[in-house]
């Protein structure tokens, strides 16, 4: 497959995860005001969409980097540093030096693992994504490889206490800024969980 074809497939995955996260996000978990939940959601709709778009952009750029790195056949220190720079959660992490280093190491291990799993797909002569997957992996390994891409929330959940993600508000509410760290990680995990299920279902059809 071409690098462009693999990116296109993963672009669809990223979009699906982001849409699920947006759908799952509950503004009442981050804004403490005495208003009905539906009213809060209505007031914050635009801000939420803008913020989730920012999260999606980072995820998309990391995905592009994974595929580009897989295509060139090696992971450099520059690639590792760039992956961390693109990670919204890592760049908003404020733990101590030891914990920050540990967080970074887990993310770069995830990065290198996903690059290894994607590399054979980029190199495949098959034109269809799932034809390439089937040509390279047996069903169990295919599910493991693709689901592994959507496991980053397992890392994030261990470091949530030292993250600070904030969202500026311009809604008329008596609040100018809210922190939404835990809710962001929660909905991202929900998006990844749904995608892992979809991958398993798709693999069952392909390998049937």
N, C-alpha and C. Protein backbone atom coordinates (compact mmCIF):
# COMPACT_ATOMS: atom_id res chain seq x y z
N UNK A 1 0.85 -1.20 0.00
CA UNK A 1 0.00 0.00 0.00
C UNK A 1 0.88 1.24 0.00
N UNK A 2 0.33 2.34 -0.40
CA UNK A 2 1.07 3.58 -0.32
C UNK A 2 0.92 4.19 1.07
N UNK A 3 1.85 5.05 1.41
CA UNK A 3 1.76 5.78 2.67
C UNK A 3 0.45 6.56 2.74
N UNK A 4 0.06 7.15 1.62
CA UNK A 4 -1.17 7.93 1.57
C UNK A 4 -2.40 7.06 1.85
N UNK A 5 -2.42 5.84 1.32
CA UNK A 5 -3.56 4.94 1.51
C UNK A 5 -3.69 4.51 2.97
N UNK A 6 -2.57 4.24 3.62
CA UNK A 6 -2.61 3.86 5.03
C UNK A 6 -3.06 5.04 5.88
N UNK A 7 -2.56 6.23 5.56
CA UNK A 7 -2.98 7.43 6.29
C UNK A 7 -4.49 7.62 6.17
N UNK A 8 -5.01 7.40 4.97
CA UNK A 8 -6.44 7.59 4.76
C UNK A 8 -7.26 6.67 5.65
N UNK A 9 -6.83 5.42 5.78
CA UNK A 9 -7.54 4.46 6.63
C UNK A 9 -7.50 4.90 8.08
N UNK A 10 -6.34 5.30 8.55
CA UNK A 10 -6.21 5.71 9.94
C UNK A 10 -6.89 7.06 10.20
N UNK A 11 -6.95 7.89 9.17
CA UNK A 11 -7.71 9.15 9.31
C UNK A 11 -9.16 8.86 9.67
N UNK A 12 -9.73 7.84 9.04
CA UNK A 12 -11.10 7.47 9.35
C UNK A 12 -11.24 6.97 10.77
N UNK A 13 -10.26 6.23 11.24
CA UNK A 13 -10.27 5.76 12.63
C UNK A 13 -10.21 6.92 13.61
N UNK A 14 -9.31 7.87 13.32
CA UNK A 14 -9.17 9.03 14.20
C UNK A 14 -10.47 9.82 14.27
N UNK A 15 -11.10 10.00 13.12
CA UNK A 15 -12.36 10.73 13.08
C UNK A 15 -13.42 10.03 13.92
N UNK A 16 -13.49 8.72 13.82
CA UNK A 16 -14.49 7.96 14.58
C UNK A 16 -14.26 8.08 16.08
N UNK A 17 -13.01 7.98 16.49
CA UNK A 17 -12.69 8.11 17.92
C UNK A 17 -13.07 9.51 18.41
N UNK A 18 -12.76 10.52 17.62
CA UNK A 18 -13.04 11.90 18.00
C UNK A 18 -14.54 12.17 18.09
N UNK A 19 -15.30 11.64 17.15
CA UNK A 19 -16.75 11.84 17.17
C UNK A 19 -17.37 11.15 18.38
N UNK A 20 -16.89 9.96 18.70
CA UNK A 20 -17.38 9.26 19.88
C UNK A 20 -17.04 10.04 21.14
N UNK A 21 -15.83 10.57 21.23
CA UNK A 21 -15.43 11.36 22.38
C UNK A 21 -16.29 12.60 22.53
N UNK A 22 -16.55 13.28 21.41
CA UNK A 22 -17.39 14.47 21.44
C UNK A 22 -18.80 14.13 21.91
N UNK A 23 -19.31 13.01 21.44
CA UNK A 23 -20.65 12.59 21.82
C UNK A 23 -20.73 12.23 23.30
N UNK A 24 -19.64 11.68 23.83
CA UNK A 24 -19.62 11.23 25.22
C UNK A 24 -19.39 12.35 26.21
N UNK A 25 -18.74 13.43 25.77
CA UNK A 25 -18.34 14.48 26.71
C UNK A 25 -19.54 15.10 27.40
N UNK A 26 -19.48 15.18 28.71
CA UNK A 26 -20.59 15.69 29.52
C UNK A 26 -20.15 17.00 30.20
N UNK A 27 -20.61 18.15 29.71
CA UNK A 27 -20.19 19.43 30.28
C UNK A 27 -20.55 19.59 31.76
N UNK A 28 -21.56 18.87 32.20
CA UNK A 28 -21.96 19.00 33.61
C UNK A 28 -20.89 18.43 34.55
N UNK A 29 -19.96 17.66 33.98
CA UNK A 29 -18.87 17.12 34.81
C UNK A 29 -17.74 18.11 35.00
N UNK A 30 -17.74 19.20 34.24
CA UNK A 30 -16.64 20.16 34.34
C UNK A 30 -17.10 21.56 34.72
N UNK A 31 -18.40 21.82 34.64
CA UNK A 31 -18.94 23.14 34.98
C UNK A 31 -19.92 23.01 36.13
N UNK A 32 -19.62 23.69 37.22
CA UNK A 32 -20.46 23.60 38.41
C UNK A 32 -21.31 24.86 38.53
N UNK A 33 -22.43 24.85 37.85
CA UNK A 33 -23.38 25.97 37.92
C UNK A 33 -24.78 25.42 38.12
N UNK A 34 -25.62 26.22 38.70
CA UNK A 34 -26.97 25.79 39.02
C UNK A 34 -27.90 25.99 37.83
N UNK A 35 -27.70 25.14 36.82
CA UNK A 35 -28.54 25.17 35.62
C UNK A 35 -28.86 23.74 35.20
N UNK A 36 -29.94 23.53 34.50
CA UNK A 36 -30.26 22.19 34.00
C UNK A 36 -29.15 21.69 33.07
N UNK A 37 -28.86 20.39 33.09
CA UNK A 37 -27.79 19.82 32.24
C UNK A 37 -27.93 20.18 30.77
N UNK A 38 -29.15 20.12 30.24
CA UNK A 38 -29.34 20.42 28.81
C UNK A 38 -28.99 21.87 28.50
N UNK A 39 -29.28 22.76 29.45
CA UNK A 39 -28.96 24.18 29.25
C UNK A 39 -27.45 24.39 29.24
N UNK A 40 -26.75 23.70 30.12
CA UNK A 40 -25.30 23.81 30.18
C UNK A 40 -24.68 23.31 28.86
N UNK A 41 -25.19 22.18 28.39
CA UNK A 41 -24.66 21.63 27.14
C UNK A 41 -24.89 22.58 25.97
N UNK A 42 -26.05 23.21 25.96
CA UNK A 42 -26.37 24.15 24.89
C UNK A 42 -25.44 25.35 24.93
N UNK A 43 -25.19 25.87 26.11
CA UNK A 43 -24.33 27.05 26.26
C UNK A 43 -22.88 26.76 25.88
N UNK A 44 -22.43 25.53 26.13
CA UNK A 44 -21.02 25.20 25.93
C UNK A 44 -20.75 24.48 24.61
N UNK A 45 -21.77 24.31 23.80
CA UNK A 45 -21.62 23.48 22.59
C UNK A 45 -20.45 23.94 21.71
N UNK A 46 -20.38 25.22 21.41
CA UNK A 46 -19.33 25.72 20.52
C UNK A 46 -17.95 25.57 21.13
N UNK A 47 -17.82 25.90 22.42
CA UNK A 47 -16.53 25.79 23.09
C UNK A 47 -16.05 24.34 23.12
N UNK A 48 -16.99 23.44 23.37
CA UNK A 48 -16.63 22.03 23.43
C UNK A 48 -16.15 21.54 22.07
N UNK A 49 -16.86 21.92 21.03
CA UNK A 49 -16.47 21.49 19.69
C UNK A 49 -15.09 22.03 19.31
N UNK A 50 -14.81 23.27 19.68
CA UNK A 50 -13.50 23.86 19.37
C UNK A 50 -12.39 23.13 20.13
N UNK A 51 -12.66 22.81 21.39
CA UNK A 51 -11.64 22.15 22.20
C UNK A 51 -11.40 20.72 21.72
N UNK A 52 -12.46 20.01 21.39
CA UNK A 52 -12.30 18.65 20.90
C UNK A 52 -11.63 18.64 19.53
N UNK A 53 -11.83 19.69 18.76
CA UNK A 53 -11.13 19.81 17.47
C UNK A 53 -9.63 19.95 17.71
N UNK A 54 -9.25 20.64 18.76
CA UNK A 54 -7.84 20.79 19.11
C UNK A 54 -7.24 19.44 19.51
N UNK A 55 -7.99 18.68 20.28
CA UNK A 55 -7.54 17.34 20.67
C UNK A 55 -7.40 16.46 19.44
N UNK A 56 -8.39 16.51 18.56
CA UNK A 56 -8.37 15.69 17.34
C UNK A 56 -7.19 16.05 16.45
N UNK A 57 -6.87 17.34 16.35
CA UNK A 57 -5.75 17.77 15.52
C UNK A 57 -4.45 17.16 16.00
N UNK A 58 -4.23 17.17 17.31
CA UNK A 58 -3.03 16.57 17.87
C UNK A 58 -2.96 15.08 17.59
N UNK A 59 -4.09 14.41 17.77
CA UNK A 59 -4.18 12.97 17.53
C UNK A 59 -3.90 12.68 16.06
N UNK A 60 -4.45 13.52 15.18
CA UNK A 60 -4.26 13.34 13.74
C UNK A 60 -2.79 13.53 13.35
N UNK A 61 -2.16 14.54 13.90
CA UNK A 61 -0.76 14.81 13.58
C UNK A 61 0.14 13.68 14.08
N UNK A 62 -0.20 13.11 15.22
CA UNK A 62 0.57 11.97 15.72
C UNK A 62 0.38 10.75 14.82
N UNK A 63 -0.84 10.56 14.36
CA UNK A 63 -1.12 9.45 13.45
C UNK A 63 -0.31 9.59 12.16
N UNK A 64 -0.28 10.79 11.61
CA UNK A 64 0.50 11.04 10.40
C UNK A 64 1.98 10.74 10.65
N UNK A 65 2.47 11.14 11.81
CA UNK A 65 3.88 10.89 12.14
C UNK A 65 4.16 9.40 12.24
N UNK A 66 3.24 8.65 12.82
CA UNK A 66 3.41 7.20 12.93
C UNK A 66 3.54 6.57 11.54
N UNK A 67 2.65 6.93 10.63
CA UNK A 67 2.67 6.35 9.29
C UNK A 67 3.92 6.81 8.52
N UNK A 68 4.27 8.07 8.64
CA UNK A 68 5.46 8.58 7.95
C UNK A 68 6.73 7.90 8.46
N UNK A 69 6.79 7.69 9.76
CA UNK A 69 7.96 7.03 10.34
C UNK A 69 8.01 5.57 9.91
N UNK A 70 6.85 4.92 9.87
CA UNK A 70 6.79 3.53 9.40
C UNK A 70 7.26 3.43 7.96
N UNK A 71 6.91 4.40 7.15
CA UNK A 71 7.27 4.38 5.73
C UNK A 71 8.78 4.52 5.51
N UNK A 72 9.43 5.30 6.36
CA UNK A 72 10.87 5.50 6.15
C UNK A 72 11.72 4.39 6.79
N UNK A 73 11.10 3.56 7.64
CA UNK A 73 11.76 2.35 8.11
C UNK A 73 12.63 2.47 9.34
N UNK A 74 12.65 3.61 10.00
CA UNK A 74 13.42 3.73 11.23
C UNK A 74 12.84 4.82 12.12
N UNK A 75 13.05 4.67 13.42
CA UNK A 75 12.58 5.66 14.40
C UNK A 75 13.79 6.39 14.95
N UNK A 76 13.84 7.69 14.75
CA UNK A 76 14.96 8.48 15.24
C UNK A 76 14.58 9.19 16.54
N UNK A 77 15.57 9.73 17.20
CA UNK A 77 15.30 10.48 18.43
C UNK A 77 14.46 11.71 18.13
N UNK A 78 14.66 12.28 16.95
CA UNK A 78 13.85 13.42 16.54
C UNK A 78 12.37 13.02 16.42
N UNK A 79 12.13 11.84 15.88
CA UNK A 79 10.76 11.34 15.76
C UNK A 79 10.12 11.18 17.14
N UNK A 80 10.87 10.62 18.07
CA UNK A 80 10.34 10.42 19.42
C UNK A 80 10.00 11.75 20.08
N UNK A 81 10.90 12.70 19.93
CA UNK A 81 10.67 14.03 20.52
C UNK A 81 9.46 14.71 19.90
N UNK A 82 9.33 14.59 18.58
CA UNK A 82 8.20 15.21 17.89
C UNK A 82 6.88 14.59 18.32
N UNK A 83 6.87 13.27 18.52
CA UNK A 83 5.65 12.60 18.96
C UNK A 83 5.19 13.16 20.30
N UNK A 84 6.12 13.35 21.21
CA UNK A 84 5.77 13.90 22.52
C UNK A 84 5.32 15.36 22.42
N UNK A 85 5.98 16.12 21.55
CA UNK A 85 5.61 17.53 21.37
C UNK A 85 4.18 17.67 20.84
N UNK A 86 3.74 16.68 20.06
CA UNK A 86 2.40 16.73 19.47
C UNK A 86 1.32 16.22 20.44
N UNK A 87 1.75 15.64 21.55
CA UNK A 87 0.80 15.03 22.47
C UNK A 87 0.24 16.07 23.44
N UNK A 88 -1.04 16.38 23.29
CA UNK A 88 -1.68 17.40 24.12
C UNK A 88 -1.62 17.04 25.59
N UNK A 89 -1.75 15.78 25.89
CA UNK A 89 -1.77 15.35 27.29
C UNK A 89 -0.37 15.44 27.91
N UNK A 90 0.63 15.05 27.16
CA UNK A 90 2.00 15.12 27.67
C UNK A 90 2.45 16.56 27.85
N UNK A 91 2.13 17.42 26.90
CA UNK A 91 2.57 18.82 27.00
C UNK A 91 1.81 19.60 28.07
N UNK A 92 0.74 19.01 28.58
CA UNK A 92 0.02 19.64 29.69
C UNK A 92 0.15 18.81 30.97
N UNK A 93 1.27 18.11 31.06
CA UNK A 93 1.55 17.29 32.23
C UNK A 93 2.55 18.03 33.12
N UNK A 94 2.26 18.05 34.43
CA UNK A 94 3.08 18.84 35.36
C UNK A 94 3.52 18.03 36.57
N UNK A 95 3.80 16.75 36.34
CA UNK A 95 4.32 15.92 37.41
C UNK A 95 5.80 16.23 37.67
N UNK A 96 6.37 15.53 38.66
CA UNK A 96 7.79 15.76 38.95
C UNK A 96 8.64 15.15 37.84
N UNK A 97 9.92 15.39 37.91
CA UNK A 97 10.84 15.01 36.83
C UNK A 97 10.80 13.51 36.56
N UNK A 98 10.79 12.72 37.63
CA UNK A 98 10.81 11.26 37.47
C UNK A 98 9.54 10.77 36.79
N UNK A 99 8.39 11.29 37.25
CA UNK A 99 7.11 10.87 36.67
C UNK A 99 6.98 11.36 35.22
N UNK A 100 7.47 12.56 34.95
CA UNK A 100 7.42 13.08 33.58
C UNK A 100 8.24 12.21 32.64
N UNK A 101 9.42 11.81 33.11
CA UNK A 101 10.27 10.94 32.30
C UNK A 101 9.59 9.59 32.06
N UNK A 102 8.97 9.05 33.11
CA UNK A 102 8.28 7.77 32.98
C UNK A 102 7.12 7.87 32.00
N UNK A 103 6.35 8.95 32.08
CA UNK A 103 5.23 9.19 31.18
C UNK A 103 5.73 9.25 29.73
N UNK A 104 6.80 10.01 29.53
CA UNK A 104 7.36 10.15 28.19
C UNK A 104 7.86 8.82 27.64
N UNK A 105 8.47 8.01 28.49
CA UNK A 105 8.97 6.71 28.05
C UNK A 105 7.83 5.79 27.63
N UNK A 106 6.73 5.82 28.38
CA UNK A 106 5.59 4.97 28.02
C UNK A 106 4.96 5.41 26.70
N UNK A 107 4.88 6.70 26.49
CA UNK A 107 4.32 7.20 25.24
C UNK A 107 5.22 6.87 24.05
N UNK A 108 6.54 7.00 24.23
CA UNK A 108 7.43 6.69 23.12
C UNK A 108 7.48 5.20 22.84
N UNK A 109 7.31 4.37 23.87
CA UNK A 109 7.22 2.93 23.66
C UNK A 109 5.97 2.60 22.85
N UNK A 110 4.88 3.28 23.18
CA UNK A 110 3.64 3.12 22.41
C UNK A 110 3.87 3.54 20.95
N UNK A 111 4.53 4.67 20.77
CA UNK A 111 4.84 5.18 19.43
C UNK A 111 5.64 4.17 18.62
N UNK A 112 6.70 3.64 19.21
CA UNK A 112 7.56 2.70 18.49
C UNK A 112 6.82 1.40 18.18
N UNK A 113 5.97 0.96 19.11
CA UNK A 113 5.19 -0.25 18.88
C UNK A 113 4.22 -0.09 17.72
N UNK A 114 3.54 1.04 17.68
CA UNK A 114 2.58 1.27 16.59
C UNK A 114 3.31 1.42 15.25
N UNK A 115 4.47 2.03 15.26
CA UNK A 115 5.26 2.15 14.02
C UNK A 115 5.62 0.75 13.50
N UNK A 116 6.05 -0.13 14.40
CA UNK A 116 6.41 -1.49 13.99
C UNK A 116 5.20 -2.23 13.39
N UNK A 117 4.03 -2.00 13.97
CA UNK A 117 2.83 -2.68 13.48
C UNK A 117 2.34 -2.13 12.15
N UNK A 118 2.55 -0.84 11.93
CA UNK A 118 2.07 -0.20 10.70
C UNK A 118 3.04 -0.41 9.55
N UNK A 119 4.33 -0.54 9.83
CA UNK A 119 5.35 -0.63 8.78
C UNK A 119 5.06 -1.69 7.72
N UNK A 120 4.67 -2.91 8.08
CA UNK A 120 4.40 -3.92 7.05
C UNK A 120 3.22 -3.54 6.16
N UNK A 121 2.27 -2.80 6.70
CA UNK A 121 1.11 -2.39 5.90
C UNK A 121 1.51 -1.38 4.84
N UNK A 122 2.37 -0.44 5.23
CA UNK A 122 2.85 0.56 4.27
C UNK A 122 3.66 -0.11 3.16
N UNK A 123 4.38 -1.17 3.51
CA UNK A 123 5.24 -1.85 2.55
C UNK A 123 4.48 -2.87 1.70
N UNK A 124 3.25 -3.20 2.07
CA UNK A 124 2.49 -4.23 1.37
C UNK A 124 2.18 -3.82 -0.07
N UNK A 125 2.10 -4.81 -0.96
CA UNK A 125 1.73 -4.56 -2.35
C UNK A 125 0.23 -4.58 -2.56
N UNK A 126 -0.52 -4.96 -1.52
CA UNK A 126 -1.98 -4.95 -1.61
C UNK A 126 -2.49 -3.51 -1.67
N UNK A 127 -3.57 -3.29 -2.40
CA UNK A 127 -4.14 -1.94 -2.52
C UNK A 127 -5.19 -1.66 -1.45
N UNK A 128 -5.89 -2.69 -1.01
CA UNK A 128 -6.92 -2.53 0.01
C UNK A 128 -6.32 -2.72 1.40
N UNK A 129 -6.73 -1.87 2.35
CA UNK A 129 -6.14 -1.91 3.69
C UNK A 129 -6.32 -3.27 4.33
N UNK A 130 -7.54 -3.78 4.36
CA UNK A 130 -7.78 -5.05 5.04
C UNK A 130 -7.21 -6.23 4.27
N UNK A 131 -7.07 -6.12 2.97
CA UNK A 131 -6.37 -7.16 2.22
C UNK A 131 -4.91 -7.22 2.66
N UNK A 132 -4.34 -6.04 2.87
CA UNK A 132 -2.95 -5.98 3.35
C UNK A 132 -2.83 -6.58 4.75
N UNK A 133 -3.76 -6.22 5.61
CA UNK A 133 -3.75 -6.76 6.97
C UNK A 133 -3.82 -8.28 6.94
N UNK A 134 -4.73 -8.80 6.14
CA UNK A 134 -4.93 -10.26 6.06
C UNK A 134 -3.72 -10.95 5.47
N UNK A 135 -3.06 -10.28 4.54
CA UNK A 135 -1.88 -10.86 3.90
C UNK A 135 -0.70 -10.95 4.88
N UNK A 136 -0.66 -10.03 5.82
CA UNK A 136 0.49 -9.93 6.73
C UNK A 136 0.27 -10.66 8.05
N UNK A 137 -0.91 -10.51 8.61
CA UNK A 137 -1.18 -11.03 9.95
C UNK A 137 -2.26 -12.11 9.94
N UNK A 138 -2.16 -13.05 10.90
CA UNK A 138 -3.32 -13.91 11.13
C UNK A 138 -4.34 -13.09 11.93
N UNK A 139 -5.52 -13.63 12.14
CA UNK A 139 -6.59 -12.83 12.74
C UNK A 139 -6.24 -12.31 14.13
N UNK A 140 -5.72 -13.17 14.97
CA UNK A 140 -5.41 -12.74 16.35
C UNK A 140 -4.35 -11.65 16.35
N UNK A 141 -3.34 -11.82 15.53
CA UNK A 141 -2.25 -10.82 15.49
C UNK A 141 -2.75 -9.52 14.87
N UNK A 142 -3.65 -9.61 13.89
CA UNK A 142 -4.21 -8.40 13.28
C UNK A 142 -4.99 -7.60 14.30
N UNK A 143 -5.82 -8.28 15.07
CA UNK A 143 -6.62 -7.61 16.09
C UNK A 143 -5.69 -6.99 17.14
N UNK A 144 -4.69 -7.73 17.56
CA UNK A 144 -3.75 -7.23 18.55
C UNK A 144 -3.02 -5.98 18.04
N UNK A 145 -2.57 -6.03 16.79
CA UNK A 145 -1.80 -4.92 16.23
C UNK A 145 -2.64 -3.67 16.08
N UNK A 146 -3.85 -3.82 15.54
CA UNK A 146 -4.70 -2.65 15.30
C UNK A 146 -5.33 -2.13 16.58
N UNK A 147 -5.72 -3.02 17.46
CA UNK A 147 -6.27 -2.56 18.74
C UNK A 147 -5.20 -1.87 19.58
N UNK A 148 -3.95 -2.31 19.41
CA UNK A 148 -2.87 -1.68 20.16
C UNK A 148 -2.73 -0.20 19.86
N UNK A 149 -3.10 0.17 18.64
CA UNK A 149 -3.05 1.59 18.28
C UNK A 149 -4.01 2.40 19.14
N UNK A 150 -5.13 1.76 19.51
CA UNK A 150 -6.15 2.45 20.29
C UNK A 150 -6.11 2.03 21.75
N UNK A 151 -4.92 2.11 22.32
CA UNK A 151 -4.73 1.75 23.73
C UNK A 151 -4.02 2.85 24.50
N UNK A 152 -3.87 4.02 23.88
CA UNK A 152 -3.09 5.08 24.52
C UNK A 152 -3.75 5.58 25.80
N UNK A 153 -5.08 5.51 25.87
CA UNK A 153 -5.77 5.97 27.07
C UNK A 153 -5.36 5.16 28.30
N UNK A 154 -4.92 3.90 28.09
CA UNK A 154 -4.45 3.10 29.22
C UNK A 154 -3.24 3.77 29.88
N UNK A 155 -2.43 4.43 29.06
CA UNK A 155 -1.28 5.17 29.60
C UNK A 155 -1.75 6.46 30.25
N UNK A 156 -2.59 7.20 29.56
CA UNK A 156 -3.03 8.51 30.05
C UNK A 156 -3.70 8.42 31.41
N UNK A 157 -4.49 7.37 31.61
CA UNK A 157 -5.25 7.24 32.86
C UNK A 157 -4.34 7.14 34.08
N UNK A 158 -3.10 6.70 33.88
CA UNK A 158 -2.17 6.57 35.01
C UNK A 158 -1.55 7.91 35.42
N UNK A 159 -1.71 8.94 34.56
CA UNK A 159 -1.03 10.21 34.81
C UNK A 159 -2.01 11.39 34.90
N UNK A 160 -3.29 11.10 34.98
CA UNK A 160 -4.30 12.15 34.96
C UNK A 160 -4.15 13.15 36.10
N UNK A 161 -3.75 12.67 37.28
CA UNK A 161 -3.70 13.54 38.46
C UNK A 161 -2.76 14.72 38.28
N UNK A 162 -1.74 14.56 37.44
CA UNK A 162 -0.78 15.65 37.25
C UNK A 162 -0.96 16.41 35.94
N UNK A 163 -2.04 16.11 35.22
CA UNK A 163 -2.34 16.85 33.99
C UNK A 163 -3.26 18.02 34.30
N UNK A 164 -3.15 19.05 33.49
CA UNK A 164 -4.07 20.19 33.62
C UNK A 164 -4.48 20.63 32.22
N UNK A 165 -5.68 20.23 31.81
CA UNK A 165 -6.25 20.68 30.55
C UNK A 165 -7.36 21.67 30.87
N UNK A 166 -7.26 22.86 30.31
CA UNK A 166 -8.27 23.88 30.58
C UNK A 166 -8.93 24.34 29.29
N UNK A 167 -10.12 24.88 29.45
CA UNK A 167 -10.89 25.36 28.31
C UNK A 167 -11.45 26.74 28.65
N UNK A 168 -11.14 27.73 27.82
CA UNK A 168 -11.67 29.08 28.02
C UNK A 168 -13.14 29.12 27.63
N UNK A 169 -13.93 29.88 28.40
CA UNK A 169 -15.35 29.98 28.13
C UNK A 169 -15.74 31.42 27.82
N UNK A 170 -16.61 31.57 26.86
CA UNK A 170 -17.18 32.88 26.53
C UNK A 170 -18.67 32.66 26.26
N UNK A 171 -19.40 32.39 27.36
CA UNK A 171 -20.78 31.93 27.23
C UNK A 171 -21.79 32.76 28.00
N UNK A 172 -21.29 33.71 28.78
CA UNK A 172 -22.21 34.45 29.64
C UNK A 172 -22.34 33.83 31.01
N UNK A 173 -21.76 32.63 31.19
CA UNK A 173 -21.75 32.01 32.51
C UNK A 173 -20.73 32.73 33.39
N UNK A 174 -20.92 32.67 34.72
CA UNK A 174 -19.98 33.35 35.63
C UNK A 174 -18.68 32.57 35.81
N UNK A 175 -18.18 31.99 34.74
CA UNK A 175 -16.95 31.19 34.76
C UNK A 175 -16.20 31.48 33.47
N UNK A 176 -14.93 31.83 33.56
CA UNK A 176 -14.16 32.15 32.37
C UNK A 176 -13.31 30.99 31.88
N UNK A 177 -13.04 30.03 32.76
CA UNK A 177 -12.19 28.92 32.39
C UNK A 177 -12.54 27.71 33.26
N UNK A 178 -12.49 26.53 32.66
CA UNK A 178 -12.74 25.31 33.42
C UNK A 178 -11.65 24.30 33.11
N UNK A 179 -11.39 23.43 34.07
CA UNK A 179 -10.48 22.31 33.83
C UNK A 179 -11.32 21.10 33.44
N UNK A 180 -10.87 20.39 32.42
CA UNK A 180 -11.65 19.24 31.96
C UNK A 180 -10.77 18.01 31.74
N UNK A 181 -9.68 17.92 32.49
CA UNK A 181 -8.70 16.86 32.31
C UNK A 181 -9.32 15.46 32.40
N UNK A 182 -9.94 15.17 33.53
CA UNK A 182 -10.46 13.82 33.74
C UNK A 182 -11.55 13.48 32.72
N UNK A 183 -12.39 14.44 32.39
CA UNK A 183 -13.45 14.19 31.43
C UNK A 183 -12.87 13.96 30.04
N UNK A 184 -11.81 14.69 29.70
CA UNK A 184 -11.17 14.51 28.40
C UNK A 184 -10.58 13.10 28.27
N UNK A 185 -9.88 12.67 29.28
CA UNK A 185 -9.29 11.33 29.25
C UNK A 185 -10.38 10.26 29.23
N UNK A 186 -11.44 10.49 29.99
CA UNK A 186 -12.54 9.52 30.04
C UNK A 186 -13.18 9.34 28.66
N UNK A 187 -13.50 10.44 27.99
CA UNK A 187 -14.19 10.31 26.70
C UNK A 187 -13.25 9.79 25.62
N UNK A 188 -11.96 10.12 25.72
CA UNK A 188 -10.98 9.58 24.78
C UNK A 188 -10.90 8.07 24.94
N UNK A 189 -10.93 7.61 26.19
CA UNK A 189 -10.91 6.17 26.46
C UNK A 189 -12.16 5.50 25.89
N UNK A 190 -13.30 6.17 25.99
CA UNK A 190 -14.53 5.61 25.43
C UNK A 190 -14.43 5.50 23.91
N UNK A 191 -13.86 6.52 23.29
CA UNK A 191 -13.67 6.48 21.84
C UNK A 191 -12.76 5.34 21.42
N UNK A 192 -11.67 5.16 22.14
CA UNK A 192 -10.75 4.07 21.82
C UNK A 192 -11.40 2.70 22.06
N UNK A 193 -12.17 2.61 23.15
CA UNK A 193 -12.83 1.34 23.47
C UNK A 193 -13.81 0.93 22.35
N UNK A 194 -14.57 1.90 21.86
CA UNK A 194 -15.50 1.61 20.77
C UNK A 194 -14.74 1.18 19.52
N UNK A 195 -13.63 1.85 19.23
CA UNK A 195 -12.87 1.51 18.03
C UNK A 195 -12.25 0.12 18.13
N UNK A 196 -11.80 -0.27 19.31
CA UNK A 196 -11.27 -1.63 19.48
C UNK A 196 -12.33 -2.68 19.17
N UNK A 197 -13.56 -2.39 19.60
CA UNK A 197 -14.65 -3.30 19.30
C UNK A 197 -14.95 -3.38 17.82
N UNK A 198 -14.91 -2.24 17.15
CA UNK A 198 -15.17 -2.21 15.70
C UNK A 198 -14.09 -2.96 14.93
N UNK A 199 -12.86 -2.84 15.38
CA UNK A 199 -11.76 -3.56 14.73
C UNK A 199 -11.95 -5.07 14.88
N UNK A 200 -12.33 -5.50 16.05
CA UNK A 200 -12.56 -6.92 16.27
C UNK A 200 -13.69 -7.43 15.38
N UNK A 201 -14.76 -6.65 15.29
CA UNK A 201 -15.89 -7.04 14.43
C UNK A 201 -15.47 -7.11 12.96
N UNK A 202 -14.71 -6.12 12.52
CA UNK A 202 -14.26 -6.10 11.13
C UNK A 202 -13.34 -7.27 10.81
N UNK A 203 -12.48 -7.59 11.77
CA UNK A 203 -11.56 -8.71 11.57
C UNK A 203 -12.32 -10.03 11.44
N UNK A 204 -13.38 -10.18 12.21
CA UNK A 204 -14.19 -11.39 12.10
C UNK A 204 -14.77 -11.55 10.71
N UNK A 205 -15.20 -10.44 10.13
CA UNK A 205 -15.76 -10.48 8.77
C UNK A 205 -14.68 -10.79 7.73
N UNK A 206 -13.54 -10.14 7.88
CA UNK A 206 -12.46 -10.28 6.89
C UNK A 206 -11.87 -11.69 6.91
N UNK A 207 -11.72 -12.25 8.10
CA UNK A 207 -11.07 -13.55 8.21
C UNK A 207 -12.06 -14.71 8.21
N UNK A 208 -13.32 -14.41 8.02
CA UNK A 208 -14.35 -15.47 8.01
C UNK A 208 -14.16 -16.42 6.82
